[in-house]
Amino acid sequence: MLLATTEPHCLGDLLLRCHSHDLPARIRAVISNRESLRDLVERFDVPFHFVPHQGRSRQQHEAEVVEVAASYAPDYLVLAKYMRILTADFVRRYRGRMINIHHSFLPAFAGARPYAQAFARGVKTIGATAHFVTDGLDEGPIIAQATLPIDHTHSAADMALAGRDVEKVVLARALQLVLDGRVFVAGNRTVIFD
């Protein structure tokens, strides 16, 4: 099951990879707290569930997400740019079965707006990190990472555009590794079997 908010690149990439059998998975459904991705998801004949968060407590919103997810009994929840901080109770329910993509080369630039943070620091490399979700924001065991070289000519917007491509590749690679049973979690680290 995929969770998404408004950014389509990771969601669309996973839908296409599964549709074309490049990724050995079946996407049972997509849950989003925004309606904007419905059309994309339905093009692939995948059920789309809009679970709004406005006007609800975090616990109320997550309870509805859990209810929808339970009806599909997913093996994994993949946060394909799902831009909500999850409660400890939600994370515990899916411990070891939730994968997130972070638009930064963790542990640097955790949290929001990492490309703006990277631009402000004048970094020369940007990247993406796929990791298991834990209680700590962007602190879970890392599954896959990749980087891209940049220079002083790249604006924060240029970095974000280039970063979207690396995010798609890293998230798909991490999911492939997990589905192949090649990831072993040891504390807050992973061992990847090639």
N, C-alpha and C. Protein backbone atom coordinates (compact mmCIF):
# COMPACT_ATOMS: atom_id res chain seq x y z
N MET A 1 0.84 -1.17 0.00
CA MET A 1 0.00 0.00 0.00
C MET A 1 0.88 1.22 0.00
N LEU A 2 0.50 2.22 -0.81
CA LEU A 2 1.27 3.45 -0.90
C LEU A 2 0.51 4.58 -0.21
N LEU A 3 1.24 5.44 0.49
CA LEU A 3 0.69 6.65 1.07
C LEU A 3 1.38 7.82 0.40
N ALA A 4 0.59 8.82 0.01
CA ALA A 4 1.13 9.98 -0.70
C ALA A 4 0.37 11.23 -0.29
N THR A 5 0.96 12.38 -0.61
CA THR A 5 0.27 13.65 -0.32
C THR A 5 -0.01 14.38 -1.62
N THR A 6 0.93 15.17 -2.13
CA THR A 6 0.67 15.91 -3.38
C THR A 6 1.72 15.69 -4.46
N GLU A 7 2.92 15.32 -4.08
CA GLU A 7 3.98 15.16 -5.08
C GLU A 7 3.81 13.83 -5.81
N PRO A 8 3.74 13.86 -7.14
CA PRO A 8 3.43 12.64 -7.90
C PRO A 8 4.63 11.79 -8.31
N HIS A 9 5.86 12.27 -8.21
CA HIS A 9 6.96 11.58 -8.86
C HIS A 9 7.25 10.19 -8.29
N CYS A 10 7.33 10.02 -7.00
CA CYS A 10 7.60 8.69 -6.43
C CYS A 10 6.39 7.78 -6.60
N LEU A 11 5.23 8.30 -6.34
CA LEU A 11 4.00 7.52 -6.51
C LEU A 11 3.87 7.04 -7.96
N GLY A 12 3.99 7.97 -8.90
CA GLY A 12 3.86 7.61 -10.31
C GLY A 12 4.90 6.60 -10.76
N ASP A 13 6.12 6.76 -10.27
CA ASP A 13 7.19 5.84 -10.63
C ASP A 13 6.88 4.42 -10.12
N LEU A 14 6.43 4.31 -8.87
CA LEU A 14 6.12 2.97 -8.34
C LEU A 14 4.91 2.36 -9.05
N LEU A 15 3.91 3.17 -9.34
CA LEU A 15 2.76 2.65 -10.09
C LEU A 15 3.20 2.10 -11.44
N LEU A 16 4.03 2.86 -12.14
CA LEU A 16 4.51 2.42 -13.46
C LEU A 16 5.39 1.18 -13.36
N ARG A 17 6.30 1.15 -12.40
CA ARG A 17 7.18 -0.02 -12.25
C ARG A 17 6.37 -1.28 -11.94
N CYS A 18 5.37 -1.16 -11.09
CA CYS A 18 4.55 -2.33 -10.77
C CYS A 18 3.68 -2.73 -11.96
N HIS A 19 3.12 -1.75 -12.63
CA HIS A 19 2.28 -2.02 -13.80
C HIS A 19 3.06 -2.74 -14.90
N SER A 20 4.31 -2.34 -15.09
CA SER A 20 5.13 -2.94 -16.15
C SER A 20 5.93 -4.14 -15.65
N HIS A 21 5.68 -4.58 -14.41
CA HIS A 21 6.33 -5.75 -13.80
C HIS A 21 7.83 -5.57 -13.63
N ASP A 22 8.28 -4.32 -13.55
CA ASP A 22 9.68 -4.06 -13.25
C ASP A 22 9.96 -4.15 -11.75
N LEU A 23 8.91 -4.15 -10.96
CA LEU A 23 9.00 -4.29 -9.52
C LEU A 23 8.04 -5.40 -9.13
N PRO A 24 8.52 -6.42 -8.43
CA PRO A 24 7.67 -7.58 -8.13
C PRO A 24 6.71 -7.32 -6.96
N ALA A 25 5.80 -6.39 -7.19
CA ALA A 25 4.84 -6.04 -6.14
C ALA A 25 3.49 -5.76 -6.76
N ARG A 26 2.49 -5.87 -5.94
CA ARG A 26 1.15 -5.48 -6.35
C ARG A 26 0.70 -4.37 -5.41
N ILE A 27 0.42 -3.23 -5.97
CA ILE A 27 -0.05 -2.11 -5.16
C ILE A 27 -1.54 -2.33 -4.93
N ARG A 28 -1.89 -2.60 -3.68
CA ARG A 28 -3.28 -2.90 -3.34
C ARG A 28 -4.14 -1.65 -3.37
N ALA A 29 -3.58 -0.51 -2.92
CA ALA A 29 -4.34 0.74 -2.87
C ALA A 29 -3.39 1.88 -2.56
N VAL A 30 -3.90 3.09 -2.73
CA VAL A 30 -3.18 4.30 -2.37
C VAL A 30 -4.07 5.10 -1.43
N ILE A 31 -3.47 5.57 -0.34
CA ILE A 31 -4.16 6.46 0.59
C ILE A 31 -3.46 7.81 0.51
N SER A 32 -4.27 8.86 0.42
CA SER A 32 -3.71 10.20 0.38
C SER A 32 -4.55 11.14 1.23
N ASN A 33 -3.88 12.11 1.81
CA ASN A 33 -4.60 13.13 2.56
C ASN A 33 -4.96 14.33 1.68
N ARG A 34 -4.77 14.16 0.37
CA ARG A 34 -5.15 15.17 -0.62
C ARG A 34 -5.80 14.45 -1.81
N GLU A 35 -6.67 15.14 -2.50
CA GLU A 35 -7.38 14.56 -3.66
C GLU A 35 -6.57 14.64 -4.95
N SER A 36 -5.54 15.46 -4.99
CA SER A 36 -4.88 15.82 -6.25
C SER A 36 -4.26 14.65 -7.01
N LEU A 37 -3.98 13.53 -6.35
CA LEU A 37 -3.33 12.41 -7.03
C LEU A 37 -4.31 11.33 -7.50
N ARG A 38 -5.59 11.53 -7.24
CA ARG A 38 -6.60 10.52 -7.59
C ARG A 38 -6.54 10.13 -9.07
N ASP A 39 -6.50 11.10 -9.95
CA ASP A 39 -6.51 10.81 -11.39
C ASP A 39 -5.32 9.94 -11.79
N LEU A 40 -4.14 10.27 -11.30
CA LEU A 40 -2.95 9.48 -11.61
C LEU A 40 -3.13 8.04 -11.16
N VAL A 41 -3.55 7.85 -9.93
CA VAL A 41 -3.70 6.50 -9.36
C VAL A 41 -4.74 5.70 -10.13
N GLU A 42 -5.87 6.31 -10.43
CA GLU A 42 -6.95 5.59 -11.10
C GLU A 42 -6.61 5.22 -12.54
N ARG A 43 -5.66 5.88 -13.14
CA ARG A 43 -5.20 5.50 -14.48
C ARG A 43 -4.58 4.10 -14.48
N PHE A 44 -4.11 3.67 -13.31
CA PHE A 44 -3.51 2.35 -13.17
C PHE A 44 -4.48 1.34 -12.55
N ASP A 45 -5.75 1.70 -12.48
CA ASP A 45 -6.79 0.83 -11.91
C ASP A 45 -6.46 0.38 -10.49
N VAL A 46 -5.90 1.29 -9.73
CA VAL A 46 -5.57 1.04 -8.33
C VAL A 46 -6.56 1.84 -7.49
N PRO A 47 -7.16 1.23 -6.47
CA PRO A 47 -8.09 1.97 -5.61
C PRO A 47 -7.40 3.16 -4.93
N PHE A 48 -8.09 4.29 -4.90
CA PHE A 48 -7.59 5.50 -4.28
C PHE A 48 -8.50 5.86 -3.12
N HIS A 49 -7.91 6.11 -1.96
CA HIS A 49 -8.68 6.48 -0.77
C HIS A 49 -8.22 7.84 -0.27
N PHE A 50 -9.13 8.78 -0.29
CA PHE A 50 -8.86 10.11 0.23
C PHE A 50 -9.22 10.13 1.71
N VAL A 51 -8.22 10.36 2.54
CA VAL A 51 -8.42 10.43 3.99
C VAL A 51 -7.91 11.80 4.43
N PRO A 52 -8.81 12.78 4.46
CA PRO A 52 -8.37 14.14 4.80
C PRO A 52 -7.92 14.26 6.25
N HIS A 53 -7.00 15.18 6.47
CA HIS A 53 -6.52 15.42 7.83
C HIS A 53 -7.04 16.74 8.41
N GLN A 54 -7.53 17.62 7.55
CA GLN A 54 -8.00 18.91 8.02
C GLN A 54 -9.18 18.74 8.98
N GLY A 55 -9.13 19.47 10.08
CA GLY A 55 -10.22 19.44 11.04
C GLY A 55 -10.27 18.20 11.91
N ARG A 56 -9.23 17.40 11.86
CA ARG A 56 -9.16 16.17 12.66
C ARG A 56 -7.87 16.17 13.46
N SER A 57 -7.92 15.50 14.58
CA SER A 57 -6.67 15.31 15.33
C SER A 57 -5.81 14.31 14.57
N ARG A 58 -4.54 14.30 14.87
CA ARG A 58 -3.62 13.34 14.25
C ARG A 58 -4.10 11.91 14.51
N GLN A 59 -4.59 11.64 15.72
CA GLN A 59 -5.06 10.31 16.08
C GLN A 59 -6.32 9.93 15.28
N GLN A 60 -7.23 10.87 15.11
CA GLN A 60 -8.44 10.59 14.32
C GLN A 60 -8.08 10.29 12.86
N HIS A 61 -7.19 11.10 12.32
CA HIS A 61 -6.77 10.89 10.94
C HIS A 61 -6.10 9.52 10.78
N GLU A 62 -5.17 9.22 11.65
CA GLU A 62 -4.46 7.95 11.56
C GLU A 62 -5.39 6.76 11.79
N ALA A 63 -6.39 6.91 12.64
CA ALA A 63 -7.34 5.81 12.86
C ALA A 63 -8.07 5.48 11.57
N GLU A 64 -8.41 6.49 10.79
CA GLU A 64 -9.08 6.22 9.51
C GLU A 64 -8.10 5.61 8.50
N VAL A 65 -6.86 6.05 8.51
CA VAL A 65 -5.84 5.44 7.63
C VAL A 65 -5.68 3.97 7.99
N VAL A 66 -5.60 3.67 9.27
CA VAL A 66 -5.46 2.28 9.73
C VAL A 66 -6.67 1.46 9.29
N GLU A 67 -7.86 2.03 9.41
CA GLU A 67 -9.07 1.30 9.01
C GLU A 67 -9.05 0.95 7.52
N VAL A 68 -8.67 1.93 6.70
CA VAL A 68 -8.59 1.67 5.25
C VAL A 68 -7.50 0.65 4.97
N ALA A 69 -6.34 0.82 5.56
CA ALA A 69 -5.22 -0.10 5.32
C ALA A 69 -5.57 -1.51 5.75
N ALA A 70 -6.24 -1.65 6.88
CA ALA A 70 -6.59 -2.98 7.40
C ALA A 70 -7.47 -3.75 6.42
N SER A 71 -8.28 -3.04 5.67
CA SER A 71 -9.16 -3.74 4.72
C SER A 71 -8.38 -4.37 3.58
N TYR A 72 -7.13 -3.98 3.39
CA TYR A 72 -6.28 -4.54 2.34
C TYR A 72 -5.20 -5.48 2.89
N ALA A 73 -4.96 -5.45 4.18
CA ALA A 73 -3.93 -6.26 4.82
C ALA A 73 -2.59 -6.18 4.06
N PRO A 74 -2.03 -4.97 3.92
CA PRO A 74 -0.79 -4.84 3.15
C PRO A 74 0.41 -5.42 3.88
N ASP A 75 1.34 -5.94 3.10
CA ASP A 75 2.60 -6.41 3.67
C ASP A 75 3.45 -5.21 4.10
N TYR A 76 3.43 -4.15 3.27
CA TYR A 76 4.23 -2.96 3.53
C TYR A 76 3.42 -1.71 3.26
N LEU A 77 3.74 -0.65 4.00
CA LEU A 77 3.26 0.69 3.71
C LEU A 77 4.46 1.47 3.20
N VAL A 78 4.34 2.02 2.00
CA VAL A 78 5.43 2.79 1.41
C VAL A 78 5.00 4.25 1.38
N LEU A 79 5.76 5.08 2.05
CA LEU A 79 5.46 6.51 2.10
C LEU A 79 6.10 7.16 0.88
N ALA A 80 5.30 7.29 -0.16
CA ALA A 80 5.76 7.84 -1.44
C ALA A 80 5.54 9.35 -1.43
N LYS A 81 6.34 10.03 -0.60
CA LYS A 81 6.23 11.47 -0.38
C LYS A 81 4.96 11.80 0.41
N TYR A 82 4.69 10.99 1.41
CA TYR A 82 3.59 11.23 2.33
C TYR A 82 4.09 12.21 3.38
N MET A 83 3.59 13.41 3.34
CA MET A 83 4.17 14.49 4.12
C MET A 83 3.40 14.73 5.43
N ARG A 84 3.34 13.68 6.23
CA ARG A 84 2.72 13.77 7.55
C ARG A 84 3.66 13.11 8.55
N ILE A 85 3.82 13.73 9.70
CA ILE A 85 4.59 13.11 10.77
C ILE A 85 3.67 12.14 11.47
N LEU A 86 4.10 10.90 11.60
CA LEU A 86 3.27 9.84 12.16
C LEU A 86 3.49 9.70 13.66
N THR A 87 2.40 9.34 14.35
CA THR A 87 2.50 9.14 15.80
C THR A 87 3.23 7.84 16.11
N ALA A 88 3.71 7.76 17.34
CA ALA A 88 4.41 6.55 17.79
C ALA A 88 3.49 5.33 17.72
N ASP A 89 2.20 5.51 18.02
CA ASP A 89 1.26 4.39 17.96
C ASP A 89 1.12 3.86 16.53
N PHE A 90 1.03 4.76 15.57
CA PHE A 90 0.92 4.34 14.17
C PHE A 90 2.18 3.60 13.74
N VAL A 91 3.33 4.16 14.09
CA VAL A 91 4.61 3.55 13.72
C VAL A 91 4.73 2.16 14.34
N ARG A 92 4.34 2.02 15.60
CA ARG A 92 4.42 0.71 16.27
C ARG A 92 3.56 -0.34 15.54
N ARG A 93 2.40 0.08 15.09
CA ARG A 93 1.49 -0.85 14.40
C ARG A 93 2.14 -1.46 13.16
N TYR A 94 2.96 -0.68 12.47
CA TYR A 94 3.57 -1.14 11.21
C TYR A 94 5.10 -1.24 11.32
N ARG A 95 5.61 -1.40 12.51
CA ARG A 95 7.06 -1.44 12.72
C ARG A 95 7.72 -2.47 11.79
N GLY A 96 8.77 -2.03 11.13
CA GLY A 96 9.50 -2.91 10.23
C GLY A 96 8.80 -3.13 8.89
N ARG A 97 7.65 -2.48 8.70
CA ARG A 97 6.89 -2.67 7.46
C ARG A 97 6.56 -1.35 6.77
N MET A 98 7.20 -0.26 7.23
CA MET A 98 6.98 1.05 6.61
C MET A 98 8.29 1.58 6.08
N ILE A 99 8.26 1.98 4.81
CA ILE A 99 9.45 2.50 4.14
C ILE A 99 9.16 3.93 3.72
N ASN A 100 10.11 4.81 3.98
CA ASN A 100 9.96 6.22 3.64
C ASN A 100 11.09 6.65 2.72
N ILE A 101 10.80 7.62 1.87
CA ILE A 101 11.85 8.25 1.07
C ILE A 101 12.05 9.65 1.63
N HIS A 102 13.31 9.97 1.89
CA HIS A 102 13.63 11.31 2.38
C HIS A 102 14.46 12.02 1.34
N HIS A 103 14.08 13.23 1.04
CA HIS A 103 14.72 14.02 -0.01
C HIS A 103 15.98 14.71 0.52
N SER A 104 16.86 13.88 1.04
CA SER A 104 18.16 14.36 1.50
C SER A 104 19.03 13.14 1.75
N PHE A 105 20.31 13.38 1.80
CA PHE A 105 21.24 12.31 2.12
C PHE A 105 21.37 12.28 3.63
N LEU A 106 20.52 11.49 4.29
CA LEU A 106 20.52 11.44 5.75
C LEU A 106 21.86 10.90 6.26
N PRO A 107 22.30 11.33 7.40
CA PRO A 107 21.56 12.07 8.42
C PRO A 107 21.57 13.58 8.24
N ALA A 108 22.19 14.11 7.22
CA ALA A 108 22.19 15.56 7.02
C ALA A 108 20.82 16.06 6.58
N PHE A 109 20.44 17.22 6.99
CA PHE A 109 19.24 17.92 6.54
C PHE A 109 17.96 17.13 6.76
N ALA A 110 17.77 16.64 7.96
CA ALA A 110 16.54 15.95 8.31
C ALA A 110 15.40 16.95 8.42
N GLY A 111 14.17 16.44 8.32
CA GLY A 111 13.00 17.30 8.47
C GLY A 111 12.64 18.00 7.17
N ALA A 112 11.98 19.14 7.31
CA ALA A 112 11.42 19.85 6.16
C ALA A 112 12.47 20.69 5.43
N ARG A 113 12.21 20.95 4.16
CA ARG A 113 12.97 21.84 3.30
C ARG A 113 14.47 21.53 3.22
N PRO A 114 14.84 20.28 2.99
CA PRO A 114 16.26 19.96 2.96
C PRO A 114 17.01 20.61 1.80
N TYR A 115 16.33 20.83 0.66
CA TYR A 115 17.04 21.46 -0.46
C TYR A 115 17.37 22.92 -0.15
N ALA A 116 16.48 23.59 0.54
CA ALA A 116 16.79 24.96 0.97
C ALA A 116 17.93 24.94 1.98
N GLN A 117 17.93 23.95 2.88
CA GLN A 117 19.03 23.82 3.84
C GLN A 117 20.35 23.55 3.11
N ALA A 118 20.29 22.66 2.13
CA ALA A 118 21.50 22.30 1.37
C ALA A 118 22.02 23.50 0.59
N PHE A 119 21.11 24.25 -0.03
CA PHE A 119 21.50 25.44 -0.79
C PHE A 119 22.17 26.45 0.13
N ALA A 120 21.57 26.65 1.30
CA ALA A 120 22.12 27.62 2.26
C ALA A 120 23.53 27.23 2.72
N ARG A 121 23.80 25.94 2.77
CA ARG A 121 25.11 25.45 3.21
C ARG A 121 26.10 25.32 2.07
N GLY A 122 25.64 25.50 0.83
CA GLY A 122 26.55 25.41 -0.31
C GLY A 122 27.07 24.02 -0.58
N VAL A 123 26.24 23.02 -0.36
CA VAL A 123 26.69 21.64 -0.56
C VAL A 123 27.07 21.38 -2.01
N LYS A 124 27.87 20.37 -2.22
CA LYS A 124 28.32 19.99 -3.56
C LYS A 124 27.74 18.65 -4.01
N THR A 125 26.99 18.03 -3.12
CA THR A 125 26.34 16.75 -3.43
C THR A 125 24.98 16.75 -2.76
N ILE A 126 23.95 16.33 -3.51
CA ILE A 126 22.64 16.12 -2.92
C ILE A 126 22.28 14.66 -3.10
N GLY A 127 21.29 14.22 -2.39
CA GLY A 127 20.92 12.82 -2.52
C GLY A 127 19.57 12.53 -1.93
N ALA A 128 19.28 11.25 -1.84
CA ALA A 128 18.03 10.78 -1.26
C ALA A 128 18.32 9.54 -0.43
N THR A 129 17.47 9.30 0.55
CA THR A 129 17.63 8.18 1.47
C THR A 129 16.31 7.49 1.66
N ALA A 130 16.28 6.18 1.45
CA ALA A 130 15.10 5.38 1.78
C ALA A 130 15.41 4.65 3.08
N HIS A 131 14.46 4.69 4.01
CA HIS A 131 14.70 4.09 5.31
C HIS A 131 13.41 3.53 5.89
N PHE A 132 13.57 2.64 6.85
CA PHE A 132 12.41 2.17 7.60
C PHE A 132 11.97 3.28 8.53
N VAL A 133 10.68 3.38 8.75
CA VAL A 133 10.13 4.42 9.62
C VAL A 133 10.21 3.97 11.06
N THR A 134 10.70 4.86 11.91
CA THR A 134 10.74 4.64 13.36
C THR A 134 10.14 5.87 14.03
N ASP A 135 10.11 5.84 15.35
CA ASP A 135 9.56 6.97 16.10
C ASP A 135 10.33 8.27 15.86
N GLY A 136 11.63 8.18 15.65
CA GLY A 136 12.45 9.36 15.42
C GLY A 136 12.30 9.84 13.99
N LEU A 137 12.02 11.10 13.79
CA LEU A 137 11.82 11.67 12.45
C LEU A 137 13.07 11.47 11.60
N ASP A 138 12.91 10.73 10.51
CA ASP A 138 14.00 10.49 9.55
C ASP A 138 15.23 9.86 10.19
N GLU A 139 15.02 9.00 11.18
CA GLU A 139 16.13 8.38 11.89
C GLU A 139 16.15 6.86 11.77
N GLY A 140 15.24 6.26 10.97
CA GLY A 140 15.16 4.82 10.89
C GLY A 140 16.30 4.18 10.13
N PRO A 141 16.42 2.86 10.24
CA PRO A 141 17.49 2.13 9.54
C PRO A 141 17.46 2.41 8.03
N ILE A 142 18.61 2.77 7.50
CA ILE A 142 18.73 3.16 6.09
C ILE A 142 18.82 1.92 5.22
N ILE A 143 18.00 1.92 4.16
CA ILE A 143 17.96 0.80 3.22
C ILE A 143 18.78 1.11 1.96
N ALA A 144 18.61 2.30 1.41
CA ALA A 144 19.30 2.66 0.17
C ALA A 144 19.52 4.17 0.13
N GLN A 145 20.60 4.57 -0.52
CA GLN A 145 20.92 5.98 -0.70
C GLN A 145 21.59 6.17 -2.06
N ALA A 146 21.48 7.38 -2.57
CA ALA A 146 22.21 7.76 -3.79
C ALA A 146 22.43 9.26 -3.75
N THR A 147 23.44 9.70 -4.49
CA THR A 147 23.78 11.11 -4.53
C THR A 147 23.94 11.58 -5.97
N LEU A 148 23.89 12.90 -6.12
CA LEU A 148 24.15 13.57 -7.39
C LEU A 148 25.11 14.73 -7.13
N PRO A 149 26.09 14.93 -7.99
CA PRO A 149 26.96 16.10 -7.82
C PRO A 149 26.23 17.37 -8.27
N ILE A 150 26.47 18.46 -7.58
CA ILE A 150 25.94 19.76 -7.96
C ILE A 150 27.04 20.79 -7.77
N ASP A 151 26.78 22.01 -8.19
CA ASP A 151 27.76 23.07 -7.98
C ASP A 151 27.04 24.39 -7.71
N HIS A 152 27.81 25.47 -7.69
CA HIS A 152 27.30 26.79 -7.34
C HIS A 152 26.24 27.30 -8.31
N THR A 153 26.13 26.71 -9.48
CA THR A 153 25.14 27.19 -10.45
C THR A 153 23.74 26.65 -10.16
N HIS A 154 23.62 25.70 -9.28
CA HIS A 154 22.32 25.11 -8.96
C HIS A 154 21.60 25.93 -7.89
N SER A 155 20.39 26.34 -8.20
CA SER A 155 19.55 26.99 -7.20
C SER A 155 18.88 25.91 -6.36
N ALA A 156 18.19 26.31 -5.30
CA ALA A 156 17.45 25.35 -4.49
C ALA A 156 16.40 24.65 -5.35
N ALA A 157 15.78 25.38 -6.28
CA ALA A 157 14.77 24.78 -7.18
C ALA A 157 15.42 23.76 -8.12
N ASP A 158 16.62 24.07 -8.63
CA ASP A 158 17.34 23.13 -9.48
C ASP A 158 17.67 21.85 -8.70
N MET A 159 18.08 22.02 -7.46
CA MET A 159 18.39 20.87 -6.61
C MET A 159 17.16 20.01 -6.39
N ALA A 160 16.04 20.64 -6.14
CA ALA A 160 14.80 19.88 -5.91
C ALA A 160 14.39 19.11 -7.16
N LEU A 161 14.54 19.72 -8.32
CA LEU A 161 14.20 19.04 -9.57
C LEU A 161 15.10 17.82 -9.79
N ALA A 162 16.39 18.00 -9.63
CA ALA A 162 17.32 16.88 -9.77
C ALA A 162 17.08 15.84 -8.69
N GLY A 163 16.75 16.31 -7.51
CA GLY A 163 16.50 15.41 -6.40
C GLY A 163 15.32 14.50 -6.60
N ARG A 164 14.29 14.97 -7.30
CA ARG A 164 13.12 14.12 -7.55
C ARG A 164 13.51 12.86 -8.32
N ASP A 165 14.42 13.00 -9.26
CA ASP A 165 14.85 11.82 -10.03
C ASP A 165 15.57 10.81 -9.13
N VAL A 166 16.48 11.29 -8.29
CA VAL A 166 17.21 10.37 -7.42
C VAL A 166 16.27 9.77 -6.38
N GLU A 167 15.27 10.52 -5.91
CA GLU A 167 14.31 9.99 -4.95
C GLU A 167 13.57 8.78 -5.52
N LYS A 168 13.12 8.88 -6.77
CA LYS A 168 12.39 7.79 -7.41
C LYS A 168 13.24 6.53 -7.47
N VAL A 169 14.47 6.69 -7.89
CA VAL A 169 15.37 5.54 -8.05
C VAL A 169 15.68 4.90 -6.70
N VAL A 170 15.95 5.72 -5.70
CA VAL A 170 16.31 5.20 -4.38
C VAL A 170 15.12 4.49 -3.73
N LEU A 171 13.93 5.05 -3.83
CA LEU A 171 12.76 4.41 -3.24
C LEU A 171 12.48 3.07 -3.92
N ALA A 172 12.54 3.04 -5.24
CA ALA A 172 12.31 1.79 -5.97
C ALA A 172 13.37 0.76 -5.62
N ARG A 173 14.62 1.18 -5.50
CA ARG A 173 15.71 0.26 -5.15
C ARG A 173 15.50 -0.31 -3.75
N ALA A 174 15.12 0.53 -2.81
CA ALA A 174 14.88 0.07 -1.44
C ALA A 174 13.73 -0.93 -1.40
N LEU A 175 12.66 -0.63 -2.09
CA LEU A 175 11.52 -1.54 -2.10
C LEU A 175 11.90 -2.87 -2.74
N GLN A 176 12.66 -2.82 -3.81
CA GLN A 176 13.13 -4.05 -4.47
C GLN A 176 13.95 -4.89 -3.50
N LEU A 177 14.87 -4.27 -2.77
CA LEU A 177 15.70 -4.99 -1.81
C LEU A 177 14.84 -5.64 -0.72
N VAL A 178 13.87 -4.90 -0.21
CA VAL A 178 13.01 -5.42 0.84
C VAL A 178 12.16 -6.57 0.31
N LEU A 179 11.57 -6.40 -0.86
CA LEU A 179 10.73 -7.45 -1.44
C LEU A 179 11.53 -8.71 -1.76
N ASP A 180 12.78 -8.54 -2.10
CA ASP A 180 13.65 -9.68 -2.39
C ASP A 180 14.17 -10.36 -1.11
N GLY A 181 13.84 -9.81 0.05
CA GLY A 181 14.31 -10.38 1.31
C GLY A 181 15.80 -10.20 1.52
N ARG A 182 16.36 -9.12 0.99
CA ARG A 182 17.80 -8.92 1.06
C ARG A 182 18.20 -7.89 2.12
N VAL A 183 17.24 -7.48 2.96
CA VAL A 183 17.51 -6.47 3.98
C VAL A 183 17.35 -7.10 5.36
N PHE A 184 18.39 -6.99 6.16
CA PHE A 184 18.35 -7.48 7.54
C PHE A 184 18.57 -6.28 8.45
N VAL A 185 17.62 -6.05 9.36
CA VAL A 185 17.72 -4.93 10.28
C VAL A 185 18.43 -5.39 11.55
N ALA A 186 19.46 -4.65 11.93
CA ALA A 186 20.22 -4.93 13.15
C ALA A 186 20.30 -3.63 13.94
N GLY A 187 19.40 -3.49 14.91
CA GLY A 187 19.33 -2.23 15.66
C GLY A 187 18.85 -1.12 14.75
N ASN A 188 19.63 -0.05 14.67
CA ASN A 188 19.25 1.06 13.79
C ASN A 188 20.07 1.07 12.50
N ARG A 189 20.56 -0.11 12.14
CA ARG A 189 21.33 -0.27 10.91
C ARG A 189 20.72 -1.38 10.08
N THR A 190 21.10 -1.44 8.83
CA THR A 190 20.69 -2.56 7.99
C THR A 190 21.92 -3.22 7.41
N VAL A 191 21.76 -4.49 7.14
CA VAL A 191 22.75 -5.25 6.37
C VAL A 191 22.03 -5.62 5.08
N ILE A 192 22.64 -5.29 3.96
CA ILE A 192 22.05 -5.58 2.66
C ILE A 192 22.82 -6.72 2.03
N PHE A 193 22.10 -7.78 1.68
CA PHE A 193 22.73 -8.94 1.05
C PHE A 193 22.60 -8.79 -0.47
N ASP A 194 23.76 -8.77 -1.14
CA ASP A 194 23.77 -8.66 -2.61
C ASP A 194 23.87 -10.01 -3.25
